[in-house]
Each structure stands twice: as C-alpha cells, then as structure tokens.
Amino acid sequence: MADDTENNQTNETGEQAETQPVETQSSDGSGVPHWLWGQKPWDAFKTFAILFSFALNLTLVIILLVVAGLIIPIVNDIVEPIVGGLNDSFVEMSEATIEQDIIIDTTMPISFTLPLEQSTIVVLTEDVPLSVPARFVLPGGGGEINGQVSIVMPAGLPLPVSMSMEVPVNQTIPVQMQVPVEIPLAETELGGPFFKLRALFGPLNDMLKNLPSTNEEVGERVKQAVIEPPDG
C-alpha cells in the first residue's frame, strides 16, 4: 500500500509537471503565445501589423541595397555621361553663333535717269567757224546796216558751259563682294527646339548628378533618412 501511495504521488507530480509548461505557453489553451494574443484581438492585430511592417520595410531596404549595387554602375558609366553630354551639347548649340563670309559674284541691271545741272569749262579741240547775222547802228542818225559776221574760234579755246539735262542710264554692272554674316542660333527657327531640349534634359541631368554614386553613399543616405528627423 505504501508503494501504491508513492506511485500515485509520483504520477500526480508528473502530471503537474507536464501540465505546467502548457499553462506557461498559452493561458487559454489555444496554442497562441500569450505575448502575441494578450486575450485581445485588437492588440493581436496591432502586434501582427507592426511585425509585418517591420519585415516588409527590412525586405525593401535589402532589395534597394541589392538593386542599387547593380544600377549605380550603369547610371555612373552610361546614363549620366549620355544625359550630361546631350544637355551640354544643347546648351552650347542654343548659345552658338553662325559666322560665315558670304561671297557674292553676280551682275545687277540698273535703269534710271540721272539729272545733270552744273557749270563746267570745255576746251575746243579744233577750229570752229561761226557765221551769224549782225545789225550795225551808225552814229549820228546815219541809219542801220544789216550784215553777216564770220569768225573762227581757234582750237584750244576754253569755253564756260552751263549744263542742265537728264541723262538716261540703262546698264548691267558686275557685283563682286564678300559679306561677313553673324547670326545667333537662338534667333533662328532652331532656337525654340534647342531651348525645349534644354528644359527637358537640364532637370534630368541635375537629378542624375544628385544621385548617390557609390554603395557607401546609398547606405549613408538611408542612415540619415532613418536616424535624422526631417526638418520642420
């Protein structure tokens, strides 16, 4: 009988030992940890949401770091040089000036009337005989004598002449010249498209320059975004 009593006590003690961990694992016998359930559905949902959000954010950060390691070399070696080169080219082209010497070699017809009014002196190149009628009045009431006067103007005689005439001009003249031309490209029809391209690639180029260029810089920016609070 003593042995049976000891065995019963041992069995009861063992059952208590076996049932004690079950009570510490779950207070309601459902198998859910007490710290997660707390016997309140809303607390359990909040706990799950916090853990899920933390796991999701951690996963996104890891993915970002992995993807950044693949994208950064492409941006630094390919995208940024291409976009920066295009932006610089569009800036230079919008500020460029066309300088060229234009050679003109042609003929130009002219037709006009030249009014000519001036006094000049002409010189006779040969003797010029003149014969003009003349009337002579005799003194003392002797009457008049009509006659003819003949004279010869010798060669080399200078004669003052007053000219008033209109001279028609109808000629074809040759035109040969070199004209320097300087045209700002911004003032031509190409200026508008170049300014639009500058407005398109300028902000894109600035954005690429502000991106982190190394994995260490990515980690630094992530650290600052997480640790340092935003301004305001």
C-alpha atoms as a PDB file:
ATOM      1  CA  MET A   1       0.000   0.000   0.000  1.00  0.00           C
ATOM      2  CA  ALA A   2       2.855   2.368   0.750  1.00  0.00           C
ATOM      3  CA  ASP A   3       4.341   1.668  -2.659  1.00  0.00           C
ATOM      4  CA  ASP A   4       0.998   2.359  -4.340  1.00  0.00           C
ATOM      5  CA  THR A   5       0.682   5.656  -2.469  1.00  0.00           C
ATOM      6  CA  GLU A   6       4.171   6.725  -3.516  1.00  0.00           C
ATOM      7  CA  ASN A   7       3.423   5.796  -7.153  1.00  0.00           C
ATOM      8  CA  ASN A   8       0.203   7.807  -7.093  1.00  0.00           C
ATOM      9  CA  GLN A   9       2.032  10.817  -5.678  1.00  0.00           C
ATOM     10  CA  THR A  10       4.721  10.432  -8.316  1.00  0.00           C
ATOM     11  CA  ASN A  11       2.121  10.231 -11.090  1.00  0.00           C
ATOM     12  CA  GLU A  12       0.315  13.316  -9.776  1.00  0.00           C
ATOM     13  CA  THR A  13       3.602  15.190  -9.559  1.00  0.00           C
ATOM     14  CA  GLY A  14       4.489  14.151 -13.119  1.00  0.00           C
ATOM     15  CA  GLU A  15       1.100  15.212 -14.405  1.00  0.00           C
ATOM     16  CA  GLN A  16       1.519  18.587 -12.744  1.00  0.00           C
ATOM     17  CA  ALA A  17       4.989  18.899 -14.242  1.00  0.00           C
ATOM     18  CA  GLU A  18       3.633  18.015 -17.655  1.00  0.00           C
ATOM     19  CA  THR A  19       0.701  20.387 -17.467  1.00  0.00           C
ATOM     20  CA  GLN A  20       2.729  23.317 -16.114  1.00  0.00           C
ATOM     21  CA  PRO A  21       4.568  24.096 -19.427  1.00  0.00           C
ATOM     22  CA  VAL A  22       1.239  24.059 -21.240  1.00  0.00           C
ATOM     23  CA  GLU A  23      -0.076  26.759 -18.913  1.00  0.00           C
ATOM     24  CA  THR A  24       3.033  28.932 -19.486  1.00  0.00           C
ATOM     25  CA  GLN A  25       2.780  28.513 -23.252  1.00  0.00           C
ATOM     26  CA  SER A  26      -0.846  29.589 -23.571  1.00  0.00           C
ATOM     27  CA  SER A  27      -3.213  30.858 -20.937  1.00  0.00           C
ATOM     28  CA  ASP A  28      -6.330  29.922 -22.899  1.00  0.00           C
ATOM     29  CA  GLY A  29      -5.257  26.552 -24.313  1.00  0.00           C
ATOM     30  CA  SER A  30      -5.345  27.785 -27.947  1.00  0.00           C
ATOM     31  CA  GLY A  31      -1.633  27.320 -28.632  1.00  0.00           C
ATOM     32  CA  VAL A  32      -1.046  31.065 -29.426  1.00  0.00           C
ATOM     33  CA  PRO A  33       1.675  32.776 -27.334  1.00  0.00           C
ATOM     34  CA  HIS A  34       0.290  34.959 -24.591  1.00  0.00           C
ATOM     35  CA  TRP A  35       2.509  37.939 -25.533  1.00  0.00           C
ATOM     36  CA  LEU A  36       1.061  37.919 -29.072  1.00  0.00           C
ATOM     37  CA  TRP A  37      -2.584  37.312 -28.235  1.00  0.00           C
ATOM     38  CA  GLY A  38      -2.988  39.069 -24.907  1.00  0.00           C
ATOM     39  CA  GLN A  39      -6.622  37.862 -24.880  1.00  0.00           C
ATOM     40  CA  LYS A  40      -7.480  40.925 -27.037  1.00  0.00           C
ATOM     41  CA  PRO A  41      -7.991  40.621 -30.823  1.00  0.00           C
ATOM     42  CA  TRP A  42      -7.113  44.272 -31.474  1.00  0.00           C
ATOM     43  CA  ASP A  43      -3.818  44.015 -29.604  1.00  0.00           C
ATOM     44  CA  ALA A  44      -3.004  40.867 -31.550  1.00  0.00           C
ATOM     45  CA  PHE A  45      -3.748  42.632 -34.850  1.00  0.00           C
ATOM     46  CA  LYS A  46      -1.582  45.625 -33.919  1.00  0.00           C
ATOM     47  CA  THR A  47       1.276  43.342 -32.952  1.00  0.00           C
ATOM     48  CA  PHE A  48       0.989  41.459 -36.226  1.00  0.00           C
ATOM     49  CA  ALA A  49       0.795  44.706 -38.230  1.00  0.00           C
ATOM     50  CA  ILE A  50       3.929  46.068 -36.543  1.00  0.00           C
ATOM     51  CA  LEU A  51       5.883  42.889 -37.196  1.00  0.00           C
ATOM     52  CA  PHE A  52       4.649  42.690 -40.784  1.00  0.00           C
ATOM     53  CA  SER A  53       5.517  46.344 -41.438  1.00  0.00           C
ATOM     54  CA  PHE A  54       8.983  45.890 -39.956  1.00  0.00           C
ATOM     55  CA  ALA A  55       9.610  42.767 -42.041  1.00  0.00           C
ATOM     56  CA  LEU A  56       8.336  44.486 -45.193  1.00  0.00           C
ATOM     57  CA  ASN A  57      10.482  47.579 -44.647  1.00  0.00           C
ATOM     58  CA  LEU A  58      13.533  45.460 -43.937  1.00  0.00           C
ATOM     59  CA  THR A  59      12.916  43.478 -47.124  1.00  0.00           C
ATOM     60  CA  LEU A  60      12.531  46.666 -49.169  1.00  0.00           C
ATOM     61  CA  VAL A  61      15.760  48.099 -47.749  1.00  0.00           C
ATOM     62  CA  ILE A  62      17.645  44.908 -48.606  1.00  0.00           C
ATOM     63  CA  ILE A  63      16.179  44.896 -52.126  1.00  0.00           C
ATOM     64  CA  LEU A  64      17.077  48.575 -52.522  1.00  0.00           C
ATOM     65  CA  LEU A  65      20.668  47.968 -51.477  1.00  0.00           C
ATOM     66  CA  VAL A  66      20.995  44.989 -53.826  1.00  0.00           C
ATOM     67  CA  VAL A  67      19.396  46.782 -56.770  1.00  0.00           C
ATOM     68  CA  ALA A  68      21.411  49.943 -56.088  1.00  0.00           C
ATOM     69  CA  GLY A  69      24.606  47.939 -56.397  1.00  0.00           C
ATOM     70  CA  LEU A  70      23.533  46.890 -59.895  1.00  0.00           C
ATOM     71  CA  ILE A  71      22.073  50.208 -61.053  1.00  0.00           C
ATOM     72  CA  ILE A  72      24.739  52.610 -59.766  1.00  0.00           C
ATOM     73  CA  PRO A  73      27.475  51.441 -62.215  1.00  0.00           C
ATOM     74  CA  ILE A  74      25.010  51.707 -65.103  1.00  0.00           C
ATOM     75  CA  VAL A  75      24.000  55.226 -64.057  1.00  0.00           C
ATOM     76  CA  ASN A  76      27.597  56.365 -63.499  1.00  0.00           C
ATOM     77  CA  ASP A  77      29.116  54.817 -66.627  1.00  0.00           C
ATOM     78  CA  ILE A  78      26.299  55.022 -69.188  1.00  0.00           C
ATOM     79  CA  VAL A  79      23.248  57.084 -68.277  1.00  0.00           C
ATOM     80  CA  GLU A  80      24.904  60.102 -66.651  1.00  0.00           C
ATOM     81  CA  PRO A  81      27.562  60.633 -69.392  1.00  0.00           C
ATOM     82  CA  ILE A  82      24.932  60.357 -72.140  1.00  0.00           C
ATOM     83  CA  VAL A  83      22.411  62.684 -70.489  1.00  0.00           C
ATOM     84  CA  GLY A  84      25.117  65.115 -69.373  1.00  0.00           C
ATOM     85  CA  GLY A  85      26.683  65.165 -72.828  1.00  0.00           C
ATOM     86  CA  LEU A  86      23.346  65.794 -74.501  1.00  0.00           C
ATOM     87  CA  ASN A  87      22.484  68.571 -72.057  1.00  0.00           C
ATOM     88  CA  ASP A  88      25.866  70.285 -72.564  1.00  0.00           C
ATOM     89  CA  SER A  89      25.519  69.971 -76.339  1.00  0.00           C
ATOM     90  CA  PHE A  90      22.055  71.528 -76.324  1.00  0.00           C
ATOM     91  CA  VAL A  91      23.283  74.380 -74.115  1.00  0.00           C
ATOM     92  CA  GLU A  92      26.229  75.084 -76.427  1.00  0.00           C
ATOM     93  CA  MET A  93      24.072  74.885 -79.547  1.00  0.00           C
ATOM     94  CA  SER A  94      21.447  77.260 -78.136  1.00  0.00           C
ATOM     95  CA  GLU A  95      24.223  79.767 -77.339  1.00  0.00           C
ATOM     96  CA  ALA A  96      26.132  79.256 -80.599  1.00  0.00           C
ATOM     97  CA  THR A  97      26.551  81.870 -83.327  1.00  0.00           C
ATOM     98  CA  ILE A  98      26.783  81.215 -87.051  1.00  0.00           C
ATOM     99  CA  GLU A  99      29.740  83.141 -88.510  1.00  0.00           C
ATOM    100  CA  GLN A 100      30.316  82.912 -92.240  1.00  0.00           C
ATOM    101  CA  ASP A 101      31.634  85.048 -95.095  1.00  0.00           C
ATOM    102  CA  ILE A 102      29.212  85.053 -97.999  1.00  0.00           C
ATOM    103  CA  ILE A 103      30.844  85.640-101.393  1.00  0.00           C
ATOM    104  CA  ILE A 104      28.631  87.488-103.865  1.00  0.00           C
ATOM    105  CA  ASP A 105      29.561  87.290-107.556  1.00  0.00           C
ATOM    106  CA  THR A 106      26.749  88.319-109.857  1.00  0.00           C
ATOM    107  CA  THR A 107      25.507  91.035-112.191  1.00  0.00           C
ATOM    108  CA  MET A 108      22.903  93.667-111.443  1.00  0.00           C
ATOM    109  CA  PRO A 109      20.853  95.530-114.061  1.00  0.00           C
ATOM    110  CA  ILE A 110      20.326  99.210-113.345  1.00  0.00           C
ATOM    111  CA  SER A 111      17.997 101.623-115.099  1.00  0.00           C
ATOM    112  CA  PHE A 112      17.435 105.213-114.008  1.00  0.00           C
ATOM    113  CA  THR A 113      17.559 108.826-115.184  1.00  0.00           C
ATOM    114  CA  LEU A 114      20.397 110.993-113.927  1.00  0.00           C
ATOM    115  CA  PRO A 115      19.580 114.713-113.664  1.00  0.00           C
ATOM    116  CA  LEU A 116      22.607 116.809-114.536  1.00  0.00           C
ATOM    117  CA  GLU A 117      22.810 120.507-113.729  1.00  0.00           C
ATOM    118  CA  GLN A 118      26.243 122.057-113.441  1.00  0.00           C
ATOM    119  CA  SER A 119      28.633 124.590-114.919  1.00  0.00           C
ATOM    120  CA  THR A 120      31.865 123.476-116.475  1.00  0.00           C
ATOM    121  CA  ILE A 121      34.555 124.573-118.906  1.00  0.00           C
ATOM    122  CA  VAL A 122      35.052 122.852-122.227  1.00  0.00           C
ATOM    123  CA  VAL A 123      38.087 123.186-124.475  1.00  0.00           C
ATOM    124  CA  LEU A 124      37.765 123.265-128.258  1.00  0.00           C
ATOM    125  CA  THR A 125      39.721 120.526-129.944  1.00  0.00           C
ATOM    126  CA  GLU A 126      39.676 122.163-133.385  1.00  0.00           C
ATOM    127  CA  ASP A 127      38.876 125.469-135.034  1.00  0.00           C
ATOM    128  CA  VAL A 128      35.192 126.289-135.056  1.00  0.00           C
ATOM    129  CA  PRO A 129      33.949 128.778-137.728  1.00  0.00           C
ATOM    130  CA  LEU A 130      30.925 130.860-136.806  1.00  0.00           C
ATOM    131  CA  SER A 131      28.750 132.976-139.137  1.00  0.00           C
ATOM    132  CA  VAL A 132      25.927 134.933-137.535  1.00  0.00           C
ATOM    133  CA  PRO A 133      23.748 137.798-138.757  1.00  0.00           C
ATOM    134  CA  ALA A 134      24.512 141.218-137.277  1.00  0.00           C
ATOM    135  CA  ARG A 135      22.981 144.712-137.348  1.00  0.00           C
ATOM    136  CA  PHE A 136      25.138 147.785-137.045  1.00  0.00           C
ATOM    137  CA  VAL A 137      23.707 151.172-135.988  1.00  0.00           C
ATOM    138  CA  LEU A 138      25.560 154.137-137.438  1.00  0.00           C
ATOM    139  CA  PRO A 139      26.124 157.053-135.087  1.00  0.00           C
ATOM    140  CA  GLY A 140      24.568 160.488-135.651  1.00  0.00           C
ATOM    141  CA  GLY A 141      21.416 159.082-137.147  1.00  0.00           C
ATOM    142  CA  GLY A 142      23.242 157.560-140.051  1.00  0.00           C
ATOM    143  CA  GLY A 143      20.932 154.575-140.117  1.00  0.00           C
ATOM    144  CA  GLU A 144      21.417 150.852-139.694  1.00  0.00           C
ATOM    145  CA  ILE A 145      23.381 148.317-141.650  1.00  0.00           C
ATOM    146  CA  ASN A 146      22.401 144.666-141.665  1.00  0.00           C
ATOM    147  CA  GLY A 147      25.216 142.291-142.395  1.00  0.00           C
ATOM    148  CA  GLN A 148      26.853 138.959-141.614  1.00  0.00           C
ATOM    149  CA  VAL A 149      29.688 138.404-139.200  1.00  0.00           C
ATOM    150  CA  SER A 150      32.017 135.449-139.636  1.00  0.00           C
ATOM    151  CA  ILE A 151      34.586 134.475-137.008  1.00  0.00           C
ATOM    152  CA  VAL A 152      36.726 131.429-136.290  1.00  0.00           C
ATOM    153  CA  MET A 153      37.233 130.132-132.719  1.00  0.00           C
ATOM    154  CA  PRO A 154      40.661 128.540-132.558  1.00  0.00           C
ATOM    155  CA  ALA A 155      41.380 125.050-131.180  1.00  0.00           C
ATOM    156  CA  GLY A 156      42.272 125.039-127.500  1.00  0.00           C
ATOM    157  CA  LEU A 157      39.943 127.886-126.666  1.00  0.00           C
ATOM    158  CA  PRO A 158      38.316 127.282-123.240  1.00  0.00           C
ATOM    159  CA  LEU A 159      34.609 127.964-123.136  1.00  0.00           C
ATOM    160  CA  PRO A 160      32.484 128.140-119.946  1.00  0.00           C
ATOM    161  CA  VAL A 161      29.383 125.994-120.350  1.00  0.00           C
ATOM    162  CA  SER A 162      26.291 125.614-118.125  1.00  0.00           C
ATOM    163  CA  MET A 163      24.648 122.187-118.492  1.00  0.00           C
ATOM    164  CA  SER A 164      21.098 121.285-117.495  1.00  0.00           C
ATOM    165  CA  MET A 165      19.934 117.906-118.738  1.00  0.00           C
ATOM    166  CA  GLU A 166      18.668 114.468-117.805  1.00  0.00           C
ATOM    167  CA  VAL A 167      20.917 111.552-118.659  1.00  0.00           C
ATOM    168  CA  PRO A 168      19.228 108.134-119.006  1.00  0.00           C
ATOM    169  CA  VAL A 169      21.257 105.269-117.540  1.00  0.00           C
ATOM    170  CA  ASN A 170      20.499 101.692-118.518  1.00  0.00           C
ATOM    171  CA  GLN A 171      23.376  99.352-117.768  1.00  0.00           C
ATOM    172  CA  THR A 172      24.250  95.954-116.264  1.00  0.00           C
ATOM    173  CA  ILE A 173      27.022  96.180-113.728  1.00  0.00           C
ATOM    174  CA  PRO A 174      29.043  93.322-112.160  1.00  0.00           C
ATOM    175  CA  VAL A 175      28.767  92.879-108.383  1.00  0.00           C
ATOM    176  CA  GLN A 176      31.606  91.120-106.552  1.00  0.00           C
ATOM    177  CA  MET A 177      31.919  91.368-102.787  1.00  0.00           C
ATOM    178  CA  GLN A 178      32.469  89.372 -99.598  1.00  0.00           C
ATOM    179  CA  VAL A 179      29.861  89.949 -96.886  1.00  0.00           C
ATOM    180  CA  PRO A 180      30.571  88.754 -93.285  1.00  0.00           C
ATOM    181  CA  VAL A 181      27.463  87.268 -91.632  1.00  0.00           C
ATOM    182  CA  GLU A 182      26.981  86.632 -87.882  1.00  0.00           C
ATOM    183  CA  ILE A 183      23.668  85.058 -86.850  1.00  0.00           C
ATOM    184  CA  PRO A 184      22.895  83.943 -83.241  1.00  0.00           C
ATOM    185  CA  LEU A 185      21.369  80.473 -83.440  1.00  0.00           C
ATOM    186  CA  ALA A 186      18.848  81.352 -80.722  1.00  0.00           C
ATOM    187  CA  GLU A 187      17.320  83.947 -83.060  1.00  0.00           C
ATOM    188  CA  THR A 188      16.694  81.417 -85.818  1.00  0.00           C
ATOM    189  CA  GLU A 189      13.950  78.805 -86.128  1.00  0.00           C
ATOM    190  CA  LEU A 190      16.251  76.279 -84.421  1.00  0.00           C
ATOM    191  CA  GLY A 191      16.342  78.322 -81.209  1.00  0.00           C
ATOM    192  CA  GLY A 192      12.918  77.149 -79.996  1.00  0.00           C
ATOM    193  CA  PRO A 193      13.608  73.389 -80.260  1.00  0.00           C
ATOM    194  CA  PHE A 194      17.014  73.761 -78.585  1.00  0.00           C
ATOM    195  CA  PHE A 195      15.526  75.639 -75.622  1.00  0.00           C
ATOM    196  CA  LYS A 196      12.847  72.936 -75.257  1.00  0.00           C
ATOM    197  CA  LEU A 197      15.537  70.228 -75.232  1.00  0.00           C
ATOM    198  CA  ARG A 198      17.492  72.192 -72.621  1.00  0.00           C
ATOM    199  CA  ALA A 199      14.380  72.432 -70.444  1.00  0.00           C
ATOM    200  CA  LEU A 200      13.889  68.662 -70.831  1.00  0.00           C
ATOM    201  CA  PHE A 201      17.434  67.412 -70.226  1.00  0.00           C
ATOM    202  CA  GLY A 202      18.554  70.076 -67.710  1.00  0.00           C
ATOM    203  CA  PRO A 203      16.461  68.872 -64.737  1.00  0.00           C
ATOM    204  CA  LEU A 204      17.161  65.245 -65.654  1.00  0.00           C
ATOM    205  CA  ASN A 205      20.896  65.917 -65.672  1.00  0.00           C
ATOM    206  CA  ASP A 206      20.704  67.701 -62.298  1.00  0.00           C
ATOM    207  CA  MET A 207      18.735  64.792 -60.828  1.00  0.00           C
ATOM    208  CA  LEU A 208      21.328  62.253 -62.022  1.00  0.00           C
ATOM    209  CA  LYS A 209      24.158  64.334 -60.557  1.00  0.00           C
ATOM    210  CA  ASN A 210      22.403  64.368 -57.173  1.00  0.00           C
ATOM    211  CA  LEU A 211      22.025  60.569 -57.082  1.00  0.00           C
ATOM    212  CA  PRO A 212      24.473  58.609 -54.900  1.00  0.00           C
ATOM    213  CA  SER A 213      27.466  57.389 -56.863  1.00  0.00           C
ATOM    214  CA  THR A 214      28.595  54.552 -54.550  1.00  0.00           C
ATOM    215  CA  ASN A 215      27.025  51.921 -52.327  1.00  0.00           C
ATOM    216  CA  GLU A 216      28.549  53.617 -49.297  1.00  0.00           C
ATOM    217  CA  GLU A 217      26.778  56.853 -50.208  1.00  0.00           C
ATOM    218  CA  VAL A 218      23.488  54.954 -50.559  1.00  0.00           C
ATOM    219  CA  GLY A 219      23.950  53.490 -47.079  1.00  0.00           C
ATOM    220  CA  GLU A 220      24.809  56.922 -45.685  1.00  0.00           C
ATOM    221  CA  ARG A 221      21.672  58.475 -47.160  1.00  0.00           C
ATOM    222  CA  VAL A 222      19.488  55.635 -45.895  1.00  0.00           C
ATOM    223  CA  LYS A 223      21.054  56.022 -42.462  1.00  0.00           C
ATOM    224  CA  GLN A 224      20.416  59.761 -42.441  1.00  0.00           C
ATOM    225  CA  ALA A 225      16.821  59.274 -43.600  1.00  0.00           C
ATOM    226  CA  VAL A 226      16.169  56.741 -40.835  1.00  0.00           C
ATOM    227  CA  ILE A 227      18.065  58.359 -37.963  1.00  0.00           C
ATOM    228  CA  GLU A 228      17.804  62.079 -38.614  1.00  0.00           C
ATOM    229  CA  PRO A 229      14.274  63.520 -38.393  1.00  0.00           C
ATOM    230  CA  PRO A 230      13.079  65.627 -41.320  1.00  0.00           C
ATOM    231  CA  ASP A 231      13.188  69.406 -40.973  1.00  0.00           C
ATOM    232  CA  GLY A 232      10.017  71.071 -39.722  1.00  0.00           C
END
